[in-house]
Amino acid sequence: MSSSAREFVDTNIVVYAFTVDLRAEKALALLGKGCMISVQVLNEFANVARRKLGMSWAEVDDASASIRTLCPTILPLDIDTHLLAMDIAKRHKLSDFDALVIAAALQGGCETLWSEDMHHGLMIEDRLRISNPFHAQ
């Protein structure tokens, strides 16, 4: 298993990859590594792409196909993910949606969760570190 297979990208990183924002290059590099995502990330991307990026349905379909190609390991959400997420949300005072992303990353055996929106450096379950790829190194 490559190191990228042990990395997970949050929706905000995926969204940047489809913008002209300065962060797009770094986001594309992470997607190009083949990081894991979850079905939730695909759903949230579609929502943001339509509402905020103004993409047509055809553009959303094309972008989603590209994401699935670059990130072929797409983790499902099930009752176990839900239960783990609710526990994480309570213990770490996180939103339900952030906790679902974290739970999926944990279930995928990931060591790094790339996210701009969560607390940089936070360690979950002593095995998953949240890292902001745009944070000054």
Protein backbone atom coordinates (compact mmCIF):
# COMPACT_ATOMS: atom_id res chain seq x y z
CA MET A 1 0.00 0.00 0.00
CA SER A 2 1.48 3.37 -1.00
CA SER A 3 1.63 6.24 1.45
CA SER A 4 -1.05 8.10 -0.51
CA ALA A 5 -3.44 5.20 0.09
CA ARG A 6 -3.18 6.08 3.78
CA GLU A 7 -4.26 9.66 3.15
CA PHE A 8 -7.80 11.02 2.90
CA VAL A 9 -8.95 14.33 1.41
CA ASP A 10 -11.86 16.38 2.73
CA THR A 11 -14.40 18.02 0.44
CA ASN A 12 -12.85 21.48 0.66
CA ILE A 13 -9.62 20.19 -0.88
CA VAL A 14 -11.52 18.51 -3.72
CA VAL A 15 -13.46 21.72 -4.38
CA TYR A 16 -10.27 23.80 -4.64
CA ALA A 17 -9.01 21.45 -7.36
CA PHE A 18 -11.82 22.72 -9.60
CA THR A 19 -11.28 26.43 -9.04
CA VAL A 20 -8.81 29.10 -10.15
CA ASP A 21 -7.94 29.70 -6.50
CA LEU A 22 -4.25 29.80 -5.57
CA ARG A 23 -4.79 26.60 -3.58
CA ALA A 24 -5.91 24.65 -6.67
CA GLU A 25 -2.41 23.44 -7.55
CA LYS A 26 -1.81 21.94 -4.11
CA ALA A 27 -5.31 20.40 -4.12
CA LEU A 28 -4.72 18.82 -7.54
CA ALA A 29 -1.40 17.41 -6.33
CA LEU A 30 -3.16 15.70 -3.42
CA LEU A 31 -5.84 14.25 -5.70
CA GLY A 32 -3.10 13.10 -8.06
CA LYS A 33 -1.56 11.06 -5.26
CA GLY A 34 -4.64 8.85 -5.22
CA CYS A 35 -5.81 9.75 -1.72
CA MET A 36 -8.97 8.13 -0.37
CA ILE A 37 -12.35 9.87 -0.24
CA SER A 38 -15.82 8.82 0.85
CA VAL A 39 -19.21 8.91 -0.82
CA GLN A 40 -19.95 11.88 1.44
CA VAL A 41 -17.09 13.83 -0.17
CA LEU A 42 -18.52 13.12 -3.63
CA ASN A 43 -22.00 14.25 -2.52
CA GLU A 44 -20.73 17.39 -0.85
CA PHE A 45 -18.59 18.21 -3.90
CA ALA A 46 -21.63 17.92 -6.18
CA ASN A 47 -23.60 20.24 -3.91
CA VAL A 48 -20.85 22.89 -3.78
CA ALA A 49 -20.10 22.55 -7.50
CA ARG A 50 -23.72 23.30 -8.37
CA ARG A 51 -24.46 25.95 -5.75
CA LYS A 52 -21.18 27.84 -5.38
CA LEU A 53 -19.12 27.03 -8.48
CA GLY A 54 -22.09 27.30 -10.84
CA MET A 55 -21.31 24.06 -12.67
CA SER A 56 -23.90 22.50 -14.94
CA TRP A 57 -24.96 18.93 -14.25
CA ALA A 58 -22.77 17.80 -17.17
CA GLU A 59 -19.78 19.59 -15.63
CA VAL A 60 -20.50 18.04 -12.23
CA ASP A 61 -20.69 14.60 -13.86
CA ASP A 62 -17.35 15.15 -15.64
CA ALA A 63 -15.67 16.51 -12.52
CA SER A 64 -17.01 13.63 -10.41
CA ALA A 65 -15.70 11.11 -12.94
CA SER A 66 -12.27 12.78 -12.75
CA ILE A 67 -12.34 12.66 -8.95
CA ARG A 68 -13.26 8.95 -9.01
CA THR A 69 -10.40 8.27 -11.43
CA LEU A 70 -7.83 10.17 -9.35
CA CYS A 71 -9.12 8.82 -6.03
CA PRO A 72 -10.24 5.28 -6.84
CA THR A 73 -10.68 4.19 -3.21
CA ILE A 74 -14.09 5.58 -2.28
CA LEU A 75 -15.28 4.54 1.15
CA PRO A 76 -18.97 3.92 1.83
CA LEU A 77 -21.00 5.30 4.69
CA ASP A 78 -22.86 2.73 6.74
CA ILE A 79 -24.25 2.35 10.23
CA ASP A 80 -20.80 1.58 11.66
CA THR A 81 -19.47 4.81 10.13
CA HIS A 82 -22.42 6.69 11.58
CA LEU A 83 -21.95 5.28 15.09
CA LEU A 84 -18.21 5.97 15.08
CA ALA A 85 -18.84 9.49 13.77
CA MET A 86 -21.35 10.31 16.50
CA ASP A 87 -18.86 9.16 19.14
CA ILE A 88 -16.09 11.25 17.56
CA ALA A 89 -18.38 14.30 17.28
CA LYS A 90 -19.22 14.08 21.00
CA ARG A 91 -15.68 13.50 22.22
CA HIS A 92 -14.00 16.12 20.04
CA LYS A 93 -16.86 18.63 19.82
CA LEU A 94 -17.00 18.40 16.01
CA SER A 95 -19.87 18.78 13.56
CA ASP A 96 -21.65 15.62 12.45
CA PHE A 97 -20.38 16.07 8.89
CA ASP A 98 -16.74 16.56 9.91
CA ALA A 99 -17.02 13.55 12.21
CA LEU A 100 -18.36 11.43 9.32
CA VAL A 101 -15.33 12.33 7.21
CA ILE A 102 -13.04 11.47 10.12
CA ALA A 103 -14.83 8.17 10.77
CA ALA A 104 -14.52 7.15 7.12
CA ALA A 105 -10.81 8.02 7.14
CA LEU A 106 -10.30 5.94 10.28
CA GLN A 107 -12.20 3.00 8.80
CA GLY A 108 -10.01 3.27 5.70
CA GLY A 109 -6.88 2.95 7.83
CA CYS A 110 -5.72 6.45 6.96
CA GLU A 111 -3.02 8.24 8.93
CA THR A 112 -3.55 11.72 7.45
CA LEU A 113 -6.75 13.63 6.75
CA TRP A 114 -6.14 16.67 4.54
CA SER A 115 -8.61 19.42 5.41
CA GLU A 116 -8.54 23.18 5.50
CA ASP A 117 -11.67 23.37 7.65
CA MET A 118 -10.69 21.23 10.63
CA HIS A 119 -8.20 21.85 13.42
CA HIS A 120 -4.67 21.55 11.96
CA GLY A 121 -2.62 19.05 13.96
CA LEU A 122 -5.54 17.43 15.77
CA MET A 123 -4.85 13.75 16.41
CA ILE A 124 -7.86 11.41 16.46
CA GLU A 125 -7.71 7.97 18.09
CA ASP A 126 -3.89 8.28 18.25
CA ARG A 127 -3.71 7.30 14.58
CA LEU A 128 -5.26 9.96 12.33
CA ARG A 129 -3.72 13.42 12.08
CA ILE A 130 -5.70 16.27 10.55
CA SER A 131 -3.41 18.42 8.41
CA ASN A 132 -4.10 21.61 6.51
CA PRO A 133 -2.13 21.35 3.26
CA PHE A 134 -2.12 25.16 2.99
CA HIS A 135 -0.75 25.70 6.50
CA ALA A 136 2.69 27.31 6.50
CA GLN A 137 5.24 24.56 7.00
